[in-house]
Amino acid sequence: MPRANRFRLAGHVWHITDRCHRQQFLLKFAHDRRAWVWWLSEARRRFDLSVLGYQVTHNHVHLVVADQGRDEISRSMQLVEGCVARAYNRRKGRRGAFWQECYHATAIDTDQHLANCLVYVDLNMVRAGVVSHPAEWTHGSYREIQDPKERYRIVDRVALCELLGVSDANLAGVQNEWIEAKLRRGPVAREPHWSEAIAVGGRSFVEAVRDDLGDRARYRRLENASGCIVLKEAPAAYGCHFTPGMRILTPKSVLS
């Protein structure tokens, strides 16, 4: 594996995709998906992780978070990944990696771009043909937003409403409108830019991310995709890892 390239990219909203080792269905049991959600709630409590959306599937997870610049993303991912993997391996008498190398992170613009990314995350299991509506899938943020928990809330509703430009009272209704509109347009298809690109959003946002990455030519491909500008990956996709004060881009490919 080539040596990682390091760039400082602080303060963005990130769509993180973390997949199981060799695409195995290590999260196929509800028990393990619940464990991931529980440890995510612990990360929210311990590190004040600002969670905007999430979904646990059978072989990978989606997490949308706002970077507050306190290394909370790195610490949260270490906690969740480590605890879920150890518990699973101990219960199954299994050894070896649970997660596939480094997780991938895509910088996401706010407002409608963030809304579209969250809809994409919410509809993951619909795309997979497992359910017909995200309300039928327990392990995701859609149901939490529609029916807020009294305790152990994970979604940072204050940050989410501010970034989307909606009120808390209208959040559930607006989210559902976006979902229903997407479903009415027909079969939902995979949109790989949300989980494979370096950045997605308006031109000024994506160009700013590109400029932060420097003059390396392989990071300068801007393309149009589904009404937004996408900063494309190098031929070998790059994963993003969070360490104190910096973001590390490392080669990897990601499922949606």
C-alpha atoms as a PDB file:
ATOM      1  CA  MET A   1       0.000   0.000   0.000  1.00  0.00           C
ATOM      2  CA  PRO A   2       1.458   3.435  -0.903  1.00  0.00           C
ATOM      3  CA  ARG A   3       2.324   5.752   1.936  1.00  0.00           C
ATOM      4  CA  ALA A   4      -0.534   7.969   3.055  1.00  0.00           C
ATOM      5  CA  ASN A   5      -0.702  11.623   2.033  1.00  0.00           C
ATOM      6  CA  ARG A   6      -1.585  14.074   4.798  1.00  0.00           C
ATOM      7  CA  PHE A   7      -3.614  17.258   4.439  1.00  0.00           C
ATOM      8  CA  ARG A   8      -5.248  19.597   6.933  1.00  0.00           C
ATOM      9  CA  LEU A   9      -8.961  19.786   6.208  1.00  0.00           C
ATOM     10  CA  ALA A  10     -10.606  20.967   9.397  1.00  0.00           C
ATOM     11  CA  GLY A  11     -14.169  21.998  10.108  1.00  0.00           C
ATOM     12  CA  HIS A  12     -16.188  20.190   7.436  1.00  0.00           C
ATOM     13  CA  VAL A  13     -19.231  17.938   7.501  1.00  0.00           C
ATOM     14  CA  TRP A  14     -18.111  14.410   6.650  1.00  0.00           C
ATOM     15  CA  HIS A  15     -19.933  11.402   5.240  1.00  0.00           C
ATOM     16  CA  ILE A  16     -18.036   8.420   6.610  1.00  0.00           C
ATOM     17  CA  THR A  17     -18.425   4.957   5.123  1.00  0.00           C
ATOM     18  CA  ASP A  18     -16.971   2.049   7.095  1.00  0.00           C
ATOM     19  CA  ARG A  19     -17.238  -1.455   5.674  1.00  0.00           C
ATOM     20  CA  CYS A  20     -16.673  -4.904   7.131  1.00  0.00           C
ATOM     21  CA  HIS A  21     -13.537  -6.846   6.294  1.00  0.00           C
ATOM     22  CA  ARG A  22     -13.676  -8.335   2.791  1.00  0.00           C
ATOM     23  CA  GLN A  23     -17.299  -7.177   2.498  1.00  0.00           C
ATOM     24  CA  GLN A  24     -18.406  -9.926   4.875  1.00  0.00           C
ATOM     25  CA  PHE A  25     -21.889  -9.682   6.395  1.00  0.00           C
ATOM     26  CA  LEU A  26     -20.556  -9.334   9.930  1.00  0.00           C
ATOM     27  CA  LEU A  27     -23.437  -7.013  10.884  1.00  0.00           C
ATOM     28  CA  LYS A  28     -26.195  -9.283   9.594  1.00  0.00           C
ATOM     29  CA  PHE A  29     -27.584  -9.907  13.079  1.00  0.00           C
ATOM     30  CA  ALA A  30     -29.640  -7.183  14.778  1.00  0.00           C
ATOM     31  CA  HIS A  31     -27.670  -7.749  17.978  1.00  0.00           C
ATOM     32  CA  ASP A  32     -24.479  -6.499  16.330  1.00  0.00           C
ATOM     33  CA  ARG A  33     -26.178  -3.578  14.618  1.00  0.00           C
ATOM     34  CA  ARG A  34     -27.662  -2.535  17.959  1.00  0.00           C
ATOM     35  CA  ALA A  35     -24.192  -2.750  19.485  1.00  0.00           C
ATOM     36  CA  TRP A  36     -22.836  -0.371  16.856  1.00  0.00           C
ATOM     37  CA  VAL A  37     -25.641   2.103  17.532  1.00  0.00           C
ATOM     38  CA  TRP A  38     -25.119   1.835  21.300  1.00  0.00           C
ATOM     39  CA  TRP A  39     -21.391   2.545  21.001  1.00  0.00           C
ATOM     40  CA  LEU A  40     -22.159   5.462  18.694  1.00  0.00           C
ATOM     41  CA  SER A  41     -24.364   6.883  21.455  1.00  0.00           C
ATOM     42  CA  GLU A  42     -21.431   6.432  23.837  1.00  0.00           C
ATOM     43  CA  ALA A  43     -19.182   8.340  21.447  1.00  0.00           C
ATOM     44  CA  ARG A  44     -21.788  11.104  21.354  1.00  0.00           C
ATOM     45  CA  ARG A  45     -21.794  11.215  25.151  1.00  0.00           C
ATOM     46  CA  ARG A  46     -18.058  10.866  25.776  1.00  0.00           C
ATOM     47  CA  PHE A  47     -16.649  13.022  23.007  1.00  0.00           C
ATOM     48  CA  ASP A  48     -19.600  15.263  22.110  1.00  0.00           C
ATOM     49  CA  LEU A  49     -19.628  13.823  18.594  1.00  0.00           C
ATOM     50  CA  SER A  50     -22.002  15.852  16.420  1.00  0.00           C
ATOM     51  CA  VAL A  51     -23.954  13.154  14.573  1.00  0.00           C
ATOM     52  CA  LEU A  52     -26.168  14.351  11.736  1.00  0.00           C
ATOM     53  CA  GLY A  53     -27.188  10.966  10.335  1.00  0.00           C
ATOM     54  CA  TYR A  54     -26.297   7.274  10.391  1.00  0.00           C
ATOM     55  CA  GLN A  55     -27.308   3.843   9.165  1.00  0.00           C
ATOM     56  CA  VAL A  56     -26.049   0.341   9.900  1.00  0.00           C
ATOM     57  CA  THR A  57     -26.421  -2.225   7.118  1.00  0.00           C
ATOM     58  CA  HIS A  58     -25.420  -5.889   6.987  1.00  0.00           C
ATOM     59  CA  ASN A  59     -21.846  -5.259   5.873  1.00  0.00           C
ATOM     60  CA  HIS A  60     -21.093  -1.545   6.202  1.00  0.00           C
ATOM     61  CA  VAL A  61     -22.168   1.591   8.025  1.00  0.00           C
ATOM     62  CA  HIS A  62     -22.813   5.206   7.101  1.00  0.00           C
ATOM     63  CA  LEU A  63     -22.153   8.099   9.458  1.00  0.00           C
ATOM     64  CA  VAL A  64     -22.600  11.816   8.764  1.00  0.00           C
ATOM     65  CA  VAL A  65     -20.827  14.024  11.297  1.00  0.00           C
ATOM     66  CA  ALA A  66     -19.843  17.655  11.771  1.00  0.00           C
ATOM     67  CA  ASP A  67     -16.184  18.178  12.657  1.00  0.00           C
ATOM     68  CA  GLN A  68     -15.859  20.446  15.681  1.00  0.00           C
ATOM     69  CA  GLY A  69     -12.072  20.412  15.629  1.00  0.00           C
ATOM     70  CA  ARG A  70     -11.452  18.522  18.870  1.00  0.00           C
ATOM     71  CA  ASP A  71     -10.333  15.206  17.361  1.00  0.00           C
ATOM     72  CA  GLU A  72     -13.727  13.836  18.399  1.00  0.00           C
ATOM     73  CA  ILE A  73     -14.233  12.006  15.107  1.00  0.00           C
ATOM     74  CA  SER A  74     -11.014  10.021  15.385  1.00  0.00           C
ATOM     75  CA  ARG A  75     -11.648   9.104  19.020  1.00  0.00           C
ATOM     76  CA  SER A  76     -15.257   8.179  18.291  1.00  0.00           C
ATOM     77  CA  MET A  77     -14.368   5.920  15.383  1.00  0.00           C
ATOM     78  CA  GLN A  78     -11.675   4.195  17.436  1.00  0.00           C
ATOM     79  CA  LEU A  79     -14.183   3.586  20.231  1.00  0.00           C
ATOM     80  CA  VAL A  80     -17.013   2.303  18.039  1.00  0.00           C
ATOM     81  CA  GLU A  81     -14.884   0.201  15.712  1.00  0.00           C
ATOM     82  CA  GLY A  82     -12.820  -1.304  18.520  1.00  0.00           C
ATOM     83  CA  CYS A  83     -15.670  -2.158  20.867  1.00  0.00           C
ATOM     84  CA  VAL A  84     -17.919  -3.630  18.175  1.00  0.00           C
ATOM     85  CA  ALA A  85     -15.091  -5.738  16.737  1.00  0.00           C
ATOM     86  CA  ARG A  86     -13.890  -7.061  20.097  1.00  0.00           C
ATOM     87  CA  ALA A  87     -17.390  -7.997  21.253  1.00  0.00           C
ATOM     88  CA  TYR A  88     -18.174  -9.791  17.991  1.00  0.00           C
ATOM     89  CA  ASN A  89     -14.878 -11.698  17.868  1.00  0.00           C
ATOM     90  CA  ARG A  90     -15.155 -12.699  21.515  1.00  0.00           C
ATOM     91  CA  ARG A  91     -18.724 -13.964  21.115  1.00  0.00           C
ATOM     92  CA  LYS A  92     -17.945 -15.862  17.916  1.00  0.00           C
ATOM     93  CA  GLY A  93     -14.531 -17.133  18.986  1.00  0.00           C
ATOM     94  CA  ARG A  94     -13.186 -15.332  15.938  1.00  0.00           C
ATOM     95  CA  ARG A  95      -9.809 -13.764  15.235  1.00  0.00           C
ATOM     96  CA  GLY A  96      -8.762 -11.246  12.655  1.00  0.00           C
ATOM     97  CA  ALA A  97      -9.893  -7.906  11.283  1.00  0.00           C
ATOM     98  CA  PHE A  98     -13.532  -6.905  11.556  1.00  0.00           C
ATOM     99  CA  TRP A  99     -13.317  -3.655   9.574  1.00  0.00           C
ATOM    100  CA  GLN A 100     -11.839  -3.143   6.117  1.00  0.00           C
ATOM    101  CA  GLU A 101      -8.688  -1.032   6.494  1.00  0.00           C
ATOM    102  CA  CYS A 102      -9.363   2.689   6.930  1.00  0.00           C
ATOM    103  CA  TYR A 103     -12.842   4.132   6.638  1.00  0.00           C
ATOM    104  CA  HIS A 104     -13.558   6.583   3.827  1.00  0.00           C
ATOM    105  CA  ALA A 105     -14.733  10.160   4.387  1.00  0.00           C
ATOM    106  CA  THR A 106     -16.229  12.594   1.887  1.00  0.00           C
ATOM    107  CA  ALA A 107     -16.479  16.304   2.685  1.00  0.00           C
ATOM    108  CA  ILE A 108     -20.103  17.420   2.200  1.00  0.00           C
ATOM    109  CA  ASP A 109     -21.366  20.935   1.556  1.00  0.00           C
ATOM    110  CA  THR A 110     -24.290  22.107   3.699  1.00  0.00           C
ATOM    111  CA  ASP A 111     -27.891  23.111   2.936  1.00  0.00           C
ATOM    112  CA  GLN A 112     -29.451  21.086   0.097  1.00  0.00           C
ATOM    113  CA  HIS A 113     -26.290  19.093  -0.575  1.00  0.00           C
ATOM    114  CA  LEU A 114     -26.291  17.840   3.003  1.00  0.00           C
ATOM    115  CA  ALA A 115     -30.015  17.091   2.737  1.00  0.00           C
ATOM    116  CA  ASN A 116     -29.414  15.012  -0.405  1.00  0.00           C
ATOM    117  CA  CYS A 117     -26.579  13.131   1.286  1.00  0.00           C
ATOM    118  CA  LEU A 118     -28.770  12.317   4.286  1.00  0.00           C
ATOM    119  CA  VAL A 119     -31.553  11.078   1.997  1.00  0.00           C
ATOM    120  CA  TYR A 120     -28.997   8.870   0.258  1.00  0.00           C
ATOM    121  CA  VAL A 121     -27.969   7.410   3.621  1.00  0.00           C
ATOM    122  CA  ASP A 122     -31.568   6.913   4.749  1.00  0.00           C
ATOM    123  CA  LEU A 123     -32.431   5.012   1.565  1.00  0.00           C
ATOM    124  CA  ASN A 124     -29.515   2.581   1.713  1.00  0.00           C
ATOM    125  CA  MET A 125     -31.550  -0.478   2.654  1.00  0.00           C
ATOM    126  CA  VAL A 126     -34.254   0.502   0.165  1.00  0.00           C
ATOM    127  CA  ARG A 127     -31.615   0.460  -2.581  1.00  0.00           C
ATOM    128  CA  ALA A 128     -30.507  -2.946  -1.320  1.00  0.00           C
ATOM    129  CA  GLY A 129     -34.070  -4.262  -1.639  1.00  0.00           C
ATOM    130  CA  VAL A 130     -34.279  -5.171   2.053  1.00  0.00           C
ATOM    131  CA  VAL A 131     -37.107  -2.724   2.869  1.00  0.00           C
ATOM    132  CA  SER A 132     -39.449  -0.556   0.829  1.00  0.00           C
ATOM    133  CA  HIS A 133     -39.192   2.493   3.119  1.00  0.00           C
ATOM    134  CA  PRO A 134     -36.565   3.668   5.640  1.00  0.00           C
ATOM    135  CA  ALA A 135     -39.217   3.631   8.368  1.00  0.00           C
ATOM    136  CA  GLU A 136     -39.011  -0.176   8.197  1.00  0.00           C
ATOM    137  CA  TRP A 137     -35.297  -0.238   9.062  1.00  0.00           C
ATOM    138  CA  THR A 138     -34.595   0.092  12.778  1.00  0.00           C
ATOM    139  CA  HIS A 139     -30.882   0.852  12.761  1.00  0.00           C
ATOM    140  CA  GLY A 140     -30.710   4.327  11.296  1.00  0.00           C
ATOM    141  CA  SER A 141     -31.289   7.980  12.061  1.00  0.00           C
ATOM    142  CA  TYR A 142     -34.493   8.270  10.010  1.00  0.00           C
ATOM    143  CA  ARG A 143     -36.595   6.685  12.721  1.00  0.00           C
ATOM    144  CA  GLU A 144     -34.896   8.668  15.461  1.00  0.00           C
ATOM    145  CA  ILE A 145     -35.698  11.952  13.709  1.00  0.00           C
ATOM    146  CA  GLN A 146     -39.281  10.890  13.004  1.00  0.00           C
ATOM    147  CA  ASP A 147     -39.843   9.603  16.545  1.00  0.00           C
ATOM    148  CA  PRO A 148     -37.269  11.203  18.894  1.00  0.00           C
ATOM    149  CA  LYS A 149     -36.076   9.128  21.814  1.00  0.00           C
ATOM    150  CA  GLU A 150     -36.552  10.332  25.374  1.00  0.00           C
ATOM    151  CA  ARG A 151     -33.068   9.101  26.291  1.00  0.00           C
ATOM    152  CA  TYR A 152     -29.864   8.110  24.493  1.00  0.00           C
ATOM    153  CA  ARG A 153     -30.483  10.405  21.556  1.00  0.00           C
ATOM    154  CA  ILE A 154     -27.730  10.256  18.976  1.00  0.00           C
ATOM    155  CA  VAL A 155     -28.631  12.845  16.339  1.00  0.00           C
ATOM    156  CA  ASP A 156     -27.477  16.389  17.099  1.00  0.00           C
ATOM    157  CA  ARG A 157     -30.752  18.034  16.139  1.00  0.00           C
ATOM    158  CA  VAL A 158     -29.557  21.559  16.939  1.00  0.00           C
ATOM    159  CA  ALA A 159     -26.579  21.302  14.575  1.00  0.00           C
ATOM    160  CA  LEU A 160     -28.599  19.453  11.949  1.00  0.00           C
ATOM    161  CA  CYS A 161     -31.372  22.051  11.873  1.00  0.00           C
ATOM    162  CA  GLU A 162     -28.864  24.883  11.686  1.00  0.00           C
ATOM    163  CA  LEU A 163     -26.984  23.287   8.785  1.00  0.00           C
ATOM    164  CA  LEU A 164     -30.188  22.452   6.893  1.00  0.00           C
ATOM    165  CA  GLY A 165     -31.849  25.777   7.620  1.00  0.00           C
ATOM    166  CA  VAL A 166     -35.011  24.266   9.131  1.00  0.00           C
ATOM    167  CA  SER A 167     -36.631  24.501  12.556  1.00  0.00           C
ATOM    168  CA  ASP A 168     -36.669  21.596  14.994  1.00  0.00           C
ATOM    169  CA  ALA A 169     -40.457  21.517  14.869  1.00  0.00           C
ATOM    170  CA  ASN A 170     -40.359  21.046  11.084  1.00  0.00           C
ATOM    171  CA  LEU A 171     -37.375  18.699  10.865  1.00  0.00           C
ATOM    172  CA  ALA A 172     -39.305  15.410  10.776  1.00  0.00           C
ATOM    173  CA  GLY A 173     -41.821  16.686   8.242  1.00  0.00           C
ATOM    174  CA  VAL A 174     -39.160  18.119   5.959  1.00  0.00           C
ATOM    175  CA  GLN A 175     -37.089  14.941   6.149  1.00  0.00           C
ATOM    176  CA  ASN A 176     -40.101  12.821   5.241  1.00  0.00           C
ATOM    177  CA  GLU A 177     -40.966  15.103   2.316  1.00  0.00           C
ATOM    178  CA  TRP A 178     -37.474  14.629   0.906  1.00  0.00           C
ATOM    179  CA  ILE A 179     -37.712  10.858   1.286  1.00  0.00           C
ATOM    180  CA  GLU A 180     -41.159  10.602  -0.309  1.00  0.00           C
ATOM    181  CA  ALA A 181     -40.120  12.851  -3.201  1.00  0.00           C
ATOM    182  CA  LYS A 182     -37.121  10.624  -3.901  1.00  0.00           C
ATOM    183  CA  LEU A 183     -39.233   7.458  -3.758  1.00  0.00           C
ATOM    184  CA  ARG A 184     -41.861   8.931  -6.098  1.00  0.00           C
ATOM    185  CA  ARG A 185     -39.213   9.471  -8.764  1.00  0.00           C
ATOM    186  CA  GLY A 186     -38.862   5.717  -9.145  1.00  0.00           C
ATOM    187  CA  PRO A 187     -36.324   3.076  -8.143  1.00  0.00           C
ATOM    188  CA  VAL A 188     -33.534   4.587  -6.062  1.00  0.00           C
ATOM    189  CA  ALA A 189     -30.149   4.052  -7.631  1.00  0.00           C
ATOM    190  CA  ARG A 190     -26.661   4.066  -6.207  1.00  0.00           C
ATOM    191  CA  GLU A 191     -24.947   7.461  -6.416  1.00  0.00           C
ATOM    192  CA  PRO A 192     -21.300   6.610  -5.798  1.00  0.00           C
ATOM    193  CA  HIS A 193     -20.078  10.196  -5.446  1.00  0.00           C
ATOM    194  CA  TRP A 194     -21.605  10.434  -1.955  1.00  0.00           C
ATOM    195  CA  SER A 195     -19.302   7.732  -0.616  1.00  0.00           C
ATOM    196  CA  GLU A 196     -16.386   7.644  -3.045  1.00  0.00           C
ATOM    197  CA  ALA A 197     -15.505  11.263  -3.819  1.00  0.00           C
ATOM    198  CA  ILE A 198     -13.215  13.587  -1.891  1.00  0.00           C
ATOM    199  CA  ALA A 199     -15.820  16.367  -1.719  1.00  0.00           C
ATOM    200  CA  VAL A 200     -19.385  16.991  -2.915  1.00  0.00           C
ATOM    201  CA  GLY A 201     -21.293  20.270  -3.013  1.00  0.00           C
ATOM    202  CA  GLY A 202     -21.429  23.659  -4.693  1.00  0.00           C
ATOM    203  CA  ARG A 203     -18.568  24.784  -6.911  1.00  0.00           C
ATOM    204  CA  SER A 204     -17.092  27.270  -4.426  1.00  0.00           C
ATOM    205  CA  PHE A 205     -17.091  24.673  -1.627  1.00  0.00           C
ATOM    206  CA  VAL A 206     -15.528  21.936  -3.742  1.00  0.00           C
ATOM    207  CA  GLU A 207     -12.930  24.295  -5.192  1.00  0.00           C
ATOM    208  CA  ALA A 208     -11.992  25.367  -1.663  1.00  0.00           C
ATOM    209  CA  VAL A 209     -11.470  21.718  -0.667  1.00  0.00           C
ATOM    210  CA  ARG A 210      -9.435  21.156  -3.827  1.00  0.00           C
ATOM    211  CA  ASP A 211      -7.273  24.170  -3.022  1.00  0.00           C
ATOM    212  CA  ASP A 212      -6.722  22.887   0.517  1.00  0.00           C
ATOM    213  CA  LEU A 213      -5.359  19.683  -0.982  1.00  0.00           C
ATOM    214  CA  GLY A 214      -2.652  21.578  -2.859  1.00  0.00           C
ATOM    215  CA  ASP A 215      -1.379  21.319  -6.392  1.00  0.00           C
ATOM    216  CA  ARG A 216      -1.347  17.555  -6.828  1.00  0.00           C
ATOM    217  CA  ALA A 217      -2.961  17.028 -10.210  1.00  0.00           C
ATOM    218  CA  ARG A 218      -4.736  13.822  -9.307  1.00  0.00           C
ATOM    219  CA  TYR A 219      -7.011  15.738  -6.905  1.00  0.00           C
ATOM    220  CA  ARG A 220      -8.077  18.414  -9.386  1.00  0.00           C
ATOM    221  CA  ARG A 221     -10.785  16.628 -11.375  1.00  0.00           C
ATOM    222  CA  LEU A 222     -14.110  18.399 -10.908  1.00  0.00           C
ATOM    223  CA  GLU A 223     -17.206  16.827 -12.438  1.00  0.00           C
ATOM    224  CA  ASN A 224     -20.960  17.366 -12.388  1.00  0.00           C
ATOM    225  CA  ALA A 225     -23.087  14.671 -10.752  1.00  0.00           C
ATOM    226  CA  SER A 226     -26.775  14.815  -9.824  1.00  0.00           C
ATOM    227  CA  GLY A 227     -26.886  18.593  -9.633  1.00  0.00           C
ATOM    228  CA  CYS A 228     -23.693  19.064  -7.636  1.00  0.00           C
ATOM    229  CA  ILE A 229     -19.962  19.417  -8.196  1.00  0.00           C
ATOM    230  CA  VAL A 230     -17.789  16.454  -7.270  1.00  0.00           C
ATOM    231  CA  LEU A 231     -14.073  16.401  -6.566  1.00  0.00           C
ATOM    232  CA  LYS A 232     -13.098  13.041  -7.978  1.00  0.00           C
ATOM    233  CA  GLU A 233     -10.752  10.533  -6.472  1.00  0.00           C
ATOM    234  CA  ALA A 234      -7.460   9.432  -7.928  1.00  0.00           C
ATOM    235  CA  PRO A 235      -7.659   6.196  -9.984  1.00  0.00           C
ATOM    236  CA  ALA A 236      -7.097   4.332  -6.692  1.00  0.00           C
ATOM    237  CA  ALA A 237      -9.766   5.650  -4.307  1.00  0.00           C
ATOM    238  CA  TYR A 238      -8.586   7.430  -1.205  1.00  0.00           C
ATOM    239  CA  GLY A 239      -9.892   6.835   2.300  1.00  0.00           C
ATOM    240  CA  CYS A 240      -9.833   9.533   4.911  1.00  0.00           C
ATOM    241  CA  HIS A 241      -8.712   8.966   8.476  1.00  0.00           C
ATOM    242  CA  PHE A 242      -8.882  11.514  11.255  1.00  0.00           C
ATOM    243  CA  THR A 243      -5.929  12.191  13.539  1.00  0.00           C
ATOM    244  CA  PRO A 244      -5.223  15.148  15.869  1.00  0.00           C
ATOM    245  CA  GLY A 245      -5.155  18.294  13.759  1.00  0.00           C
ATOM    246  CA  MET A 246      -5.115  16.612  10.373  1.00  0.00           C
ATOM    247  CA  ARG A 247      -6.944  14.347   7.962  1.00  0.00           C
ATOM    248  CA  ILE A 248      -5.146  11.434   6.310  1.00  0.00           C
ATOM    249  CA  LEU A 249      -6.115  10.277   2.824  1.00  0.00           C
ATOM    250  CA  THR A 250      -5.225   6.630   2.190  1.00  0.00           C
ATOM    251  CA  PRO A 251      -5.985   4.319  -0.749  1.00  0.00           C
ATOM    252  CA  LYS A 252      -9.187   2.331  -0.500  1.00  0.00           C
ATOM    253  CA  SER A 253     -12.417   1.586  -2.278  1.00  0.00           C
ATOM    254  CA  VAL A 254     -15.790   1.765  -0.580  1.00  0.00           C
ATOM    255  CA  LEU A 255     -19.182   0.228  -0.942  1.00  0.00           C
ATOM    256  CA  SER A 256     -22.183   2.523  -0.809  1.00  0.00           C
END
